[in-house]
C-alpha atoms as a PDB file:
ATOM      1  CA  MET A   1      -9.468  -4.433   2.589  1.00  0.00           C
ATOM      2  CA  LEU A   2     -12.374  -3.142   1.501  1.00  0.00           C
ATOM      3  CA  SER A   3     -14.462  -3.480   5.059  1.00  0.00           C
ATOM      4  CA  GLY A   4     -14.791   0.256   5.663  1.00  0.00           C
ATOM      5  CA  GLN A   5     -11.736  -0.506   8.662  1.00  0.00           C
ATOM      6  CA  THR A   6      -8.787  -0.079   6.258  1.00  0.00           C
ATOM      7  CA  THR A   7      -7.163   3.048   5.632  1.00  0.00           C
ATOM      8  CA  GLU A   8      -5.074   4.163   1.921  1.00  0.00           C
ATOM      9  CA  ASP A   9      -2.195   4.138   3.935  1.00  0.00           C
ATOM     10  CA  ARG A  10      -1.860   1.310   5.054  1.00  0.00           C
ATOM     11  CA  ALA A  11      -3.559  -0.751   1.688  1.00  0.00           C
ATOM     12  CA  PHE A  12      -0.422   1.118   0.362  1.00  0.00           C
ATOM     13  CA  SER A  13       1.822  -0.502   2.840  1.00  0.00           C
ATOM     14  CA  TYR A  14       0.368  -3.458   2.361  1.00  0.00           C
ATOM     15  CA  GLY A  15       0.739  -3.518  -1.604  1.00  0.00           C
ATOM     16  CA  CYS A  16       4.721  -2.103  -0.525  1.00  0.00           C
ATOM     17  CA  GLY A  17       5.389  -5.562   1.593  1.00  0.00           C
ATOM     18  CA  MET A  18       3.215  -8.110  -0.429  1.00  0.00           C
ATOM     19  CA  GLY A  19       5.302  -6.610  -3.682  1.00  0.00           C
ATOM     20  CA  ARG A  20       8.636  -7.451  -2.264  1.00  0.00           C
ATOM     21  CA  VAL A  21       7.772 -10.778  -1.413  1.00  0.00           C
ATOM     22  CA  ILE A  22       6.682 -10.933  -5.201  1.00  0.00           C
ATOM     23  CA  ARG A  23       9.719  -9.767  -6.269  1.00  0.00           C
ATOM     24  CA  LYS A  24      11.848 -11.976  -4.027  1.00  0.00           C
ATOM     25  CA  ARG A  25      10.113 -15.416  -3.525  1.00  0.00           C
ATOM     26  CA  ALA A  26       7.881 -15.925  -6.657  1.00  0.00           C
ATOM     27  CA  LYS A  27       8.993 -18.334  -9.793  1.00  0.00           C
ATOM     28  CA  LEU A  28       6.629 -16.950 -12.433  1.00  0.00           C
ATOM     29  CA  PRO A  29       6.119 -12.918 -12.963  1.00  0.00           C
ATOM     30  CA  LEU A  30       3.510 -12.032 -10.362  1.00  0.00           C
ATOM     31  CA  MET A  31       3.168  -8.497 -10.340  1.00  0.00           C
ATOM     32  CA  PRO A  32       1.670  -7.674 -13.322  1.00  0.00           C
ATOM     33  CA  ALA A  33      -0.927 -10.448 -12.445  1.00  0.00           C
ATOM     34  CA  PHE A  34      -1.341  -8.601  -8.440  1.00  0.00           C
ATOM     35  CA  VAL A  35      -1.793  -4.859 -10.239  1.00  0.00           C
ATOM     36  CA  GLY A  36      -3.993  -6.353 -12.947  1.00  0.00           C
ATOM     37  CA  PHE A  37      -6.524  -7.378  -9.687  1.00  0.00           C
ATOM     38  CA  ASP A  38      -6.291  -4.776  -8.109  1.00  0.00           C
ATOM     39  CA  PHE A  39      -6.888  -2.205 -11.277  1.00  0.00           C
ATOM     40  CA  LEU A  40      -9.933  -4.265 -12.209  1.00  0.00           C
ATOM     41  CA  ARG A  41     -11.217  -3.812  -8.485  1.00  0.00           C
ATOM     42  CA  THR A  42     -10.760  -0.422  -9.164  1.00  0.00           C
ATOM     43  CA  LEU A  43     -13.274  -0.433 -12.417  1.00  0.00           C
ATOM     44  CA  TYR A  44     -15.166  -2.077 -10.658  1.00  0.00           C
ATOM     45  CA  SER A  45     -15.925  -0.515  -7.245  1.00  0.00           C
ATOM     46  CA  LEU A  46     -16.032   2.867  -9.525  1.00  0.00           C
ATOM     47  CA  SER A  47     -18.917   1.667 -12.056  1.00  0.00           C
ATOM     48  CA  ARG A  48     -20.910   0.469  -8.536  1.00  0.00           C
ATOM     49  CA  GLY A  49     -20.044   3.754  -7.410  1.00  0.00           C
ATOM     50  CA  LYS A  50     -18.119   3.057  -4.489  1.00  0.00           C
ATOM     51  CA  ILE A  51     -15.018   5.812  -4.493  1.00  0.00           C
ATOM     52  CA  GLY A  52     -13.660   4.911  -1.483  1.00  0.00           C
ATOM     53  CA  PRO A  53     -12.866   1.157  -2.137  1.00  0.00           C
ATOM     54  CA  ALA A  54     -11.861   1.842  -5.830  1.00  0.00           C
ATOM     55  CA  MET A  55      -8.947   4.405  -3.941  1.00  0.00           C
ATOM     56  CA  LEU A  56      -7.839   1.610  -1.821  1.00  0.00           C
ATOM     57  CA  CYS A  57      -7.995  -0.734  -4.200  1.00  0.00           C
ATOM     58  CA  ALA A  58      -5.559   1.674  -6.452  1.00  0.00           C
ATOM     59  CA  ALA A  59      -3.201   2.499  -3.083  1.00  0.00           C
ATOM     60  CA  HIS A  60      -2.983  -1.057  -2.798  1.00  0.00           C
ATOM     61  CA  GLY A  61      -1.872  -1.947  -6.812  1.00  0.00           C
ATOM     62  CA  ARG A  62       0.036   1.149  -6.627  1.00  0.00           C
ATOM     63  CA  GLY A  63       1.913  -0.371  -3.517  1.00  0.00           C
ATOM     64  CA  VAL A  64       2.437  -3.736  -4.960  1.00  0.00           C
ATOM     65  CA  PHE A  65       3.920  -1.740  -8.033  1.00  0.00           C
ATOM     66  CA  ALA A  66       6.486   0.753  -5.711  1.00  0.00           C
ATOM     67  CA  GLY A  67       7.629  -2.934  -3.309  1.00  0.00           C
ATOM     68  CA  TYR A  68       7.838  -4.908  -6.601  1.00  0.00           C
ATOM     69  CA  GLN A  69      10.482  -2.018  -7.820  1.00  0.00           C
ATOM     70  CA  ALA A  70      12.234  -0.802  -4.290  1.00  0.00           C
ATOM     71  CA  PRO A  71      16.092  -1.710  -4.008  1.00  0.00           C
ATOM     72  CA  ASP A  72      17.187  -4.221  -1.041  1.00  0.00           C
END
């Protein structure tokens, strides 16, 4: 995702798919772990001054949360 080939819309879309799979298939509540990981990646990218990758990580985290909350 951080290779520079991905857009924010695509990162959000992939996150939505991951969130939906987590909700349907995971035996443990993994959604907070995935969103937390994306949050930490966002902070790390911001601390290094890389705004673009930070926005992608944030979009992916929003997507995971939205996908987890979405109705079937």
